[in-house]
Amino acid sequence: NDIQFKCSKSGQLAADGGGDAGSWNDWHA
């Protein structure tokens, strides 16, 4: 439904428009 990333300096990114079903899994680095 959605994906988020983290930047090495500026932190978490959340692009527009993701779906809201389901749940987030853990961060993978």
PDB file of all heavy atoms in Angstrom:
ATOM      1  N   ASN A   1       0.801  -1.225   0.000  1.00  0.00           N
ATOM      2  CA  ASN A   1       0.000   0.000   0.000  1.00  0.00           C
ATOM      3  C   ASN A   1       0.835   1.277   0.000  1.00  0.00           C
ATOM      4  O   ASN A   1       0.405   2.282  -0.554  1.00  0.00           O
ATOM      5  CB  ASN A   1      -0.914   0.023   1.228  1.00  0.00           C
ATOM      6  CG  ASN A   1      -2.268  -0.591   0.983  1.00  0.00           C
ATOM      7  OD1 ASN A   1      -3.289   0.092   0.962  1.00  0.00           O
ATOM      8  ND2 ASN A   1      -2.299  -1.905   0.777  1.00  0.00           N
ATOM      9  N   ASP A   2       1.997   1.251   0.624  1.00  0.00           N
ATOM     10  CA  ASP A   2       2.774   2.489   0.781  1.00  0.00           C
ATOM     11  C   ASP A   2       4.214   2.105   1.077  1.00  0.00           C
ATOM     12  O   ASP A   2       4.497   0.980   1.525  1.00  0.00           O
ATOM     13  CB  ASP A   2       2.189   3.314   1.932  1.00  0.00           C
ATOM     14  CG  ASP A   2       2.581   4.780   1.900  1.00  0.00           C
ATOM     15  OD1 ASP A   2       3.438   5.155   1.079  1.00  0.00           O
ATOM     16  OD2 ASP A   2       2.041   5.558   2.705  1.00  0.00           O
ATOM     17  N   ILE A   3       5.126   3.017   0.835  1.00  0.00           N
ATOM     18  CA  ILE A   3       6.532   2.812   1.186  1.00  0.00           C
ATOM     19  C   ILE A   3       7.109   4.135   1.672  1.00  0.00           C
ATOM     20  O   ILE A   3       6.720   5.208   1.190  1.00  0.00           O
ATOM     21  CB  ILE A   3       7.347   2.256  -0.005  1.00  0.00           C
ATOM     22  CG1 ILE A   3       8.754   1.841   0.450  1.00  0.00           C
ATOM     23  CG2 ILE A   3       7.398   3.231  -1.160  1.00  0.00           C
ATOM     24  CD1 ILE A   3       9.522   1.043  -0.592  1.00  0.00           C
ATOM     25  N   GLN A   4       7.985   4.063   2.651  1.00  0.00           N
ATOM     26  CA  GLN A   4       8.689   5.232   3.166  1.00  0.00           C
ATOM     27  C   GLN A   4      10.185   4.935   3.216  1.00  0.00           C
ATOM     28  O   GLN A   4      10.595   3.781   3.347  1.00  0.00           O
ATOM     29  CB  GLN A   4       8.183   5.615   4.559  1.00  0.00           C
ATOM     30  CG  GLN A   4       6.744   6.084   4.591  1.00  0.00           C
ATOM     31  CD  GLN A   4       6.264   6.429   5.986  1.00  0.00           C
ATOM     32  OE1 GLN A   4       6.905   6.098   6.985  1.00  0.00           O
ATOM     33  NE2 GLN A   4       5.113   7.094   6.071  1.00  0.00           N
ATOM     34  N   PHE A   5      10.981   5.988   3.129  1.00  0.00           N
ATOM     35  CA  PHE A   5      12.431   5.872   3.170  1.00  0.00           C
ATOM     36  C   PHE A   5      12.983   6.811   4.243  1.00  0.00           C
ATOM     37  O   PHE A   5      12.306   7.736   4.692  1.00  0.00           O
ATOM     38  CB  PHE A   5      13.040   6.241   1.819  1.00  0.00           C
ATOM     39  CG  PHE A   5      12.783   5.251   0.729  1.00  0.00           C
ATOM     40  CD1 PHE A   5      11.601   5.286  -0.002  1.00  0.00           C
ATOM     41  CD2 PHE A   5      13.719   4.276   0.414  1.00  0.00           C
ATOM     42  CE1 PHE A   5      11.360   4.378  -1.023  1.00  0.00           C
ATOM     43  CE2 PHE A   5      13.495   3.361  -0.605  1.00  0.00           C
ATOM     44  CZ  PHE A   5      12.310   3.412  -1.322  1.00  0.00           C
ATOM     45  N   LYS A   6      14.237   6.586   4.612  1.00  0.00           N
ATOM     46  CA  LYS A   6      14.975   7.529   5.436  1.00  0.00           C
ATOM     47  C   LYS A   6      16.221   7.968   4.679  1.00  0.00           C
ATOM     48  O   LYS A   6      16.885   7.163   4.007  1.00  0.00           O
ATOM     49  CB  LYS A   6      15.391   6.903   6.771  1.00  0.00           C
ATOM     50  CG  LYS A   6      14.250   6.749   7.764  1.00  0.00           C
ATOM     51  CD  LYS A   6      14.755   6.188   9.089  1.00  0.00           C
ATOM     52  CE  LYS A   6      13.636   6.029  10.106  1.00  0.00           C
ATOM     53  NZ  LYS A   6      14.115   5.438  11.384  1.00  0.00           N
ATOM     54  N   CYS A   7      16.542   9.268   4.815  1.00  0.00           N
ATOM     55  CA  CYS A   7      17.752   9.830   4.239  1.00  0.00           C
ATOM     56  C   CYS A   7      18.877   9.789   5.266  1.00  0.00           C
ATOM     57  O   CYS A   7      18.632   9.813   6.476  1.00  0.00           O
ATOM     58  CB  CYS A   7      17.505  11.272   3.811  1.00  0.00           C
ATOM     59  SG  CYS A   7      16.193  11.470   2.598  1.00  0.00           S
ATOM     60  N   SER A   8      20.102   9.770   4.778  1.00  0.00           N
ATOM     61  CA  SER A   8      21.251   9.646   5.678  1.00  0.00           C
ATOM     62  C   SER A   8      21.412  10.864   6.587  1.00  0.00           C
ATOM     63  O   SER A   8      21.935  10.745   7.690  1.00  0.00           O
ATOM     64  CB  SER A   8      22.529   9.433   4.860  1.00  0.00           C
ATOM     65  OG  SER A   8      22.692  10.470   3.904  1.00  0.00           O
ATOM     66  N   LYS A   9      20.938  12.041   6.157  1.00  0.00           N
ATOM     67  CA  LYS A   9      21.081  13.255   6.963  1.00  0.00           C
ATOM     68  C   LYS A   9      19.756  13.902   7.328  1.00  0.00           C
ATOM     69  O   LYS A   9      19.596  14.387   8.447  1.00  0.00           O
ATOM     70  CB  LYS A   9      21.972  14.260   6.233  1.00  0.00           C
ATOM     71  CG  LYS A   9      23.433  13.829   6.150  1.00  0.00           C
ATOM     72  CD  LYS A   9      24.308  14.937   5.619  1.00  0.00           C
ATOM     73  CE  LYS A   9      25.782  14.538   5.643  1.00  0.00           C
ATOM     74  NZ  LYS A   9      26.647  15.613   5.114  1.00  0.00           N
ATOM     75  N   SER A  10      18.812  13.942   6.396  1.00  0.00           N
ATOM     76  CA  SER A  10      17.585  14.708   6.637  1.00  0.00           C
ATOM     77  C   SER A  10      16.429  13.882   7.181  1.00  0.00           C
ATOM     78  O   SER A  10      15.345  14.412   7.410  1.00  0.00           O
ATOM     79  CB  SER A  10      17.157  15.437   5.360  1.00  0.00           C
ATOM     80  OG  SER A  10      17.003  14.542   4.276  1.00  0.00           O
ATOM     81  N   GLY A  11      16.647  12.584   7.419  1.00  0.00           N
ATOM     82  CA  GLY A  11      15.636  11.794   8.104  1.00  0.00           C
ATOM     83  C   GLY A  11      14.562  11.213   7.211  1.00  0.00           C
ATOM     84  O   GLY A  11      14.768  10.977   6.023  1.00  0.00           O
ATOM     85  N   GLN A  12      13.376  10.995   7.776  1.00  0.00           N
ATOM     86  CA  GLN A  12      12.315  10.220   7.138  1.00  0.00           C
ATOM     87  C   GLN A  12      11.651  10.975   5.994  1.00  0.00           C
ATOM     88  O   GLN A  12      11.377  12.163   6.081  1.00  0.00           O
ATOM     89  CB  GLN A  12      11.262   9.839   8.178  1.00  0.00           C
ATOM     90  CG  GLN A  12      10.185   8.903   7.665  1.00  0.00           C
ATOM     91  CD  GLN A  12       9.310   8.381   8.798  1.00  0.00           C
ATOM     92  OE1 GLN A  12       9.759   8.268   9.936  1.00  0.00           O
ATOM     93  NE2 GLN A  12       8.070   8.073   8.497  1.00  0.00           N
ATOM     94  N   LEU A  13      11.382  10.221   4.905  1.00  0.00           N
ATOM     95  CA  LEU A  13      10.632  10.728   3.760  1.00  0.00           C
ATOM     96  C   LEU A  13       9.303   9.988   3.659  1.00  0.00           C
ATOM     97  O   LEU A  13       9.249   8.767   3.834  1.00  0.00           O
ATOM     98  CB  LEU A  13      11.398  10.502   2.458  1.00  0.00           C
ATOM     99  CG  LEU A  13      12.625  11.343   2.154  1.00  0.00           C
ATOM    100  CD1 LEU A  13      13.147  10.984   0.759  1.00  0.00           C
ATOM    101  CD2 LEU A  13      12.327  12.819   2.229  1.00  0.00           C
ATOM    102  N   ALA A  14       8.239  10.720   3.333  1.00  0.00           N
ATOM    103  CA  ALA A  14       6.927  10.122   3.117  1.00  0.00           C
ATOM    104  C   ALA A  14       6.323  10.760   1.876  1.00  0.00           C
ATOM    105  O   ALA A  14       5.793  11.872   1.935  1.00  0.00           O
ATOM    106  CB  ALA A  14       6.019  10.322   4.324  1.00  0.00           C
ATOM    107  N   ALA A  15       6.428  10.091   0.738  1.00  0.00           N
ATOM    108  CA  ALA A  15       5.886  10.629  -0.509  1.00  0.00           C
ATOM    109  C   ALA A  15       4.364  10.627  -0.473  1.00  0.00           C
ATOM    110  O   ALA A  15       3.731   9.890   0.288  1.00  0.00           O
ATOM    111  CB  ALA A  15       6.400   9.825  -1.699  1.00  0.00           C
ATOM    112  N   ASP A  16       3.775  11.443  -1.307  1.00  0.00           N
ATOM    113  CA  ASP A  16       2.329  11.642  -1.332  1.00  0.00           C
ATOM    114  C   ASP A  16       1.586  10.441  -1.913  1.00  0.00           C
ATOM    115  O   ASP A  16       2.067   9.789  -2.835  1.00  0.00           O
ATOM    116  CB  ASP A  16       2.021  12.883  -2.178  1.00  0.00           C
ATOM    117  CG  ASP A  16       0.541  13.139  -2.340  1.00  0.00           C
ATOM    118  OD1 ASP A  16      -0.120  13.348  -1.306  1.00  0.00           O
ATOM    119  OD2 ASP A  16       0.049  13.106  -3.487  1.00  0.00           O
ATOM    120  N   GLY A  17       0.408  10.148  -1.355  1.00  0.00           N
ATOM    121  CA  GLY A  17      -0.562   9.305  -2.041  1.00  0.00           C
ATOM    122  C   GLY A  17      -0.641   7.845  -1.666  1.00  0.00           C
ATOM    123  O   GLY A  17      -1.391   7.093  -2.283  1.00  0.00           O
ATOM    124  N   GLY A  18       0.101   7.373  -0.684  1.00  0.00           N
ATOM    125  CA  GLY A  18       0.078   5.963  -0.338  1.00  0.00           C
ATOM    126  C   GLY A  18      -1.264   5.482   0.191  1.00  0.00           C
ATOM    127  O   GLY A  18      -2.059   6.266   0.719  1.00  0.00           O
ATOM    128  N   GLY A  19      -1.524   4.179   0.050  1.00  0.00           N
ATOM    129  CA  GLY A  19      -2.740   3.591   0.581  1.00  0.00           C
ATOM    130  C   GLY A  19      -2.680   3.442   2.088  1.00  0.00           C
ATOM    131  O   GLY A  19      -1.604   3.506   2.693  1.00  0.00           O
ATOM    132  N   ASP A  20      -3.852   3.220   2.712  1.00  0.00           N
ATOM    133  CA  ASP A  20      -3.894   3.154   4.179  1.00  0.00           C
ATOM    134  C   ASP A  20      -4.285   1.789   4.727  1.00  0.00           C
ATOM    135  O   ASP A  20      -4.519   1.639   5.917  1.00  0.00           O
ATOM    136  CB  ASP A  20      -4.847   4.216   4.728  1.00  0.00           C
ATOM    137  CG  ASP A  20      -6.271   4.074   4.184  1.00  0.00           C
ATOM    138  OD1 ASP A  20      -6.557   3.095   3.470  1.00  0.00           O
ATOM    139  OD2 ASP A  20      -7.098   4.959   4.486  1.00  0.00           O
ATOM    140  N   ALA A  21      -4.350   0.768   3.871  1.00  0.00           N
ATOM    141  CA  ALA A  21      -4.669  -0.576   4.351  1.00  0.00           C
ATOM    142  C   ALA A  21      -3.408  -1.271   4.864  1.00  0.00           C
ATOM    143  O   ALA A  21      -2.292  -0.957   4.464  1.00  0.00           O
ATOM    144  CB  ALA A  21      -5.306  -1.402   3.237  1.00  0.00           C
ATOM    145  N   GLY A  22      -3.609  -2.231   5.755  1.00  0.00           N
ATOM    146  CA  GLY A  22      -2.484  -3.004   6.259  1.00  0.00           C
ATOM    147  C   GLY A  22      -1.690  -2.285   7.326  1.00  0.00           C
ATOM    148  O   GLY A  22      -2.150  -1.310   7.928  1.00  0.00           O
ATOM    149  N   SER A  23      -0.474  -2.743   7.547  1.00  0.00           N
ATOM    150  CA  SER A  23       0.371  -2.180   8.609  1.00  0.00           C
ATOM    151  C   SER A  23       1.805  -2.052   8.122  1.00  0.00           C
ATOM    152  O   SER A  23       2.239  -2.735   7.190  1.00  0.00           O
ATOM    153  CB  SER A  23       0.315  -3.062   9.856  1.00  0.00           C
ATOM    154  OG  SER A  23       0.729  -4.387   9.548  1.00  0.00           O
ATOM    155  N   TRP A  24       2.542  -1.147   8.784  1.00  0.00           N
ATOM    156  CA  TRP A  24       3.953  -0.938   8.449  1.00  0.00           C
ATOM    157  C   TRP A  24       4.808  -2.047   9.042  1.00  0.00           C
ATOM    158  O   TRP A  24       4.623  -2.431  10.190  1.00  0.00           O
ATOM    159  CB  TRP A  24       4.433   0.399   9.005  1.00  0.00           C
ATOM    160  CG  TRP A  24       3.832   1.598   8.323  1.00  0.00           C
ATOM    161  CD1 TRP A  24       2.834   2.396   8.795  1.00  0.00           C
ATOM    162  CD2 TRP A  24       4.210   2.129   7.051  1.00  0.00           C
ATOM    163  NE1 TRP A  24       2.567   3.394   7.888  1.00  0.00           N
ATOM    164  CE2 TRP A  24       3.398   3.255   6.814  1.00  0.00           C
ATOM    165  CE3 TRP A  24       5.159   1.758   6.092  1.00  0.00           C
ATOM    166  CZ2 TRP A  24       3.502   4.019   5.656  1.00  0.00           C
ATOM    167  CZ3 TRP A  24       5.264   2.519   4.937  1.00  0.00           C
ATOM    168  CH2 TRP A  24       4.448   3.628   4.721  1.00  0.00           C
ATOM    169  N   ASN A  25       5.765  -2.543   8.242  1.00  0.00           N
ATOM    170  CA  ASN A  25       6.759  -3.455   8.815  1.00  0.00           C
ATOM    171  C   ASN A  25       7.937  -2.648   9.350  1.00  0.00           C
ATOM    172  O   ASN A  25       7.957  -1.417   9.283  1.00  0.00           O
ATOM    173  CB  ASN A  25       7.184  -4.532   7.800  1.00  0.00           C
ATOM    174  CG  ASN A  25       7.650  -3.968   6.472  1.00  0.00           C
ATOM    175  OD1 ASN A  25       8.383  -2.988   6.439  1.00  0.00           O
ATOM    176  ND2 ASN A  25       7.227  -4.585   5.375  1.00  0.00           N
ATOM    177  N   ASP A  26       8.922  -3.339   9.908  1.00  0.00           N
ATOM    178  CA  ASP A  26      10.074  -2.662  10.508  1.00  0.00           C
ATOM    179  C   ASP A  26      10.939  -1.979   9.451  1.00  0.00           C
ATOM    180  O   ASP A  26      10.936  -2.358   8.268  1.00  0.00           O
ATOM    181  CB  ASP A  26      10.929  -3.668  11.284  1.00  0.00           C
ATOM    182  CG  ASP A  26      10.214  -4.225  12.503  1.00  0.00           C
ATOM    183  OD1 ASP A  26       9.298  -3.537  13.016  1.00  0.00           O
ATOM    184  OD2 ASP A  26      10.563  -5.340  12.932  1.00  0.00           O
ATOM    185  N   TRP A  27      11.722  -1.003   9.893  1.00  0.00           N
ATOM    186  CA  TRP A  27      12.694  -0.366   9.008  1.00  0.00           C
ATOM    187  C   TRP A  27      13.808  -1.353   8.660  1.00  0.00           C
ATOM    188  O   TRP A  27      14.285  -2.097   9.525  1.00  0.00           O
ATOM    189  CB  TRP A  27      13.292   0.861   9.673  1.00  0.00           C
ATOM    190  CG  TRP A  27      12.343   2.021   9.742  1.00  0.00           C
ATOM    191  CD1 TRP A  27      11.586   2.403  10.812  1.00  0.00           C
ATOM    192  CD2 TRP A  27      12.049   2.948   8.700  1.00  0.00           C
ATOM    193  NE1 TRP A  27      10.834   3.510  10.500  1.00  0.00           N
ATOM    194  CE2 TRP A  27      11.102   3.871   9.206  1.00  0.00           C
ATOM    195  CE3 TRP A  27      12.498   3.096   7.375  1.00  0.00           C
ATOM    196  CZ2 TRP A  27      10.589   4.917   8.450  1.00  0.00           C
ATOM    197  CZ3 TRP A  27      11.985   4.147   6.623  1.00  0.00           C
ATOM    198  CH2 TRP A  27      11.052   5.040   7.144  1.00  0.00           C
ATOM    199  N   HIS A  28      14.223  -1.342   7.406  1.00  0.00           N
ATOM    200  CA  HIS A  28      15.350  -2.148   6.931  1.00  0.00           C
ATOM    201  C   HIS A  28      16.410  -1.185   6.407  1.00  0.00           C
ATOM    202  O   HIS A  28      16.131  -0.374   5.508  1.00  0.00           O
ATOM    203  CB  HIS A  28      14.896  -3.102   5.826  1.00  0.00           C
ATOM    204  CG  HIS A  28      14.060  -4.236   6.332  1.00  0.00           C
ATOM    205  ND1 HIS A  28      12.836  -4.045   6.946  1.00  0.00           N
ATOM    206  CD2 HIS A  28      14.290  -5.576   6.339  1.00  0.00           C
ATOM    207  CE1 HIS A  28      12.329  -5.219   7.287  1.00  0.00           C
ATOM    208  NE2 HIS A  28      13.187  -6.154   6.953  1.00  0.00           N
ATOM    209  N   ALA A  29      17.628  -1.262   6.973  1.00  0.00           N
ATOM    210  CA  ALA A  29      18.659  -0.260   6.702  1.00  0.00           C
ATOM    211  C   ALA A  29      19.856  -0.861   5.960  1.00  0.00           C
ATOM    212  O   ALA A  29      20.243  -2.014   6.195  1.00  0.00           O
ATOM    213  CB  ALA A  29      19.136   0.375   8.006  1.00  0.00           C
TER     214      ALA A  29
END
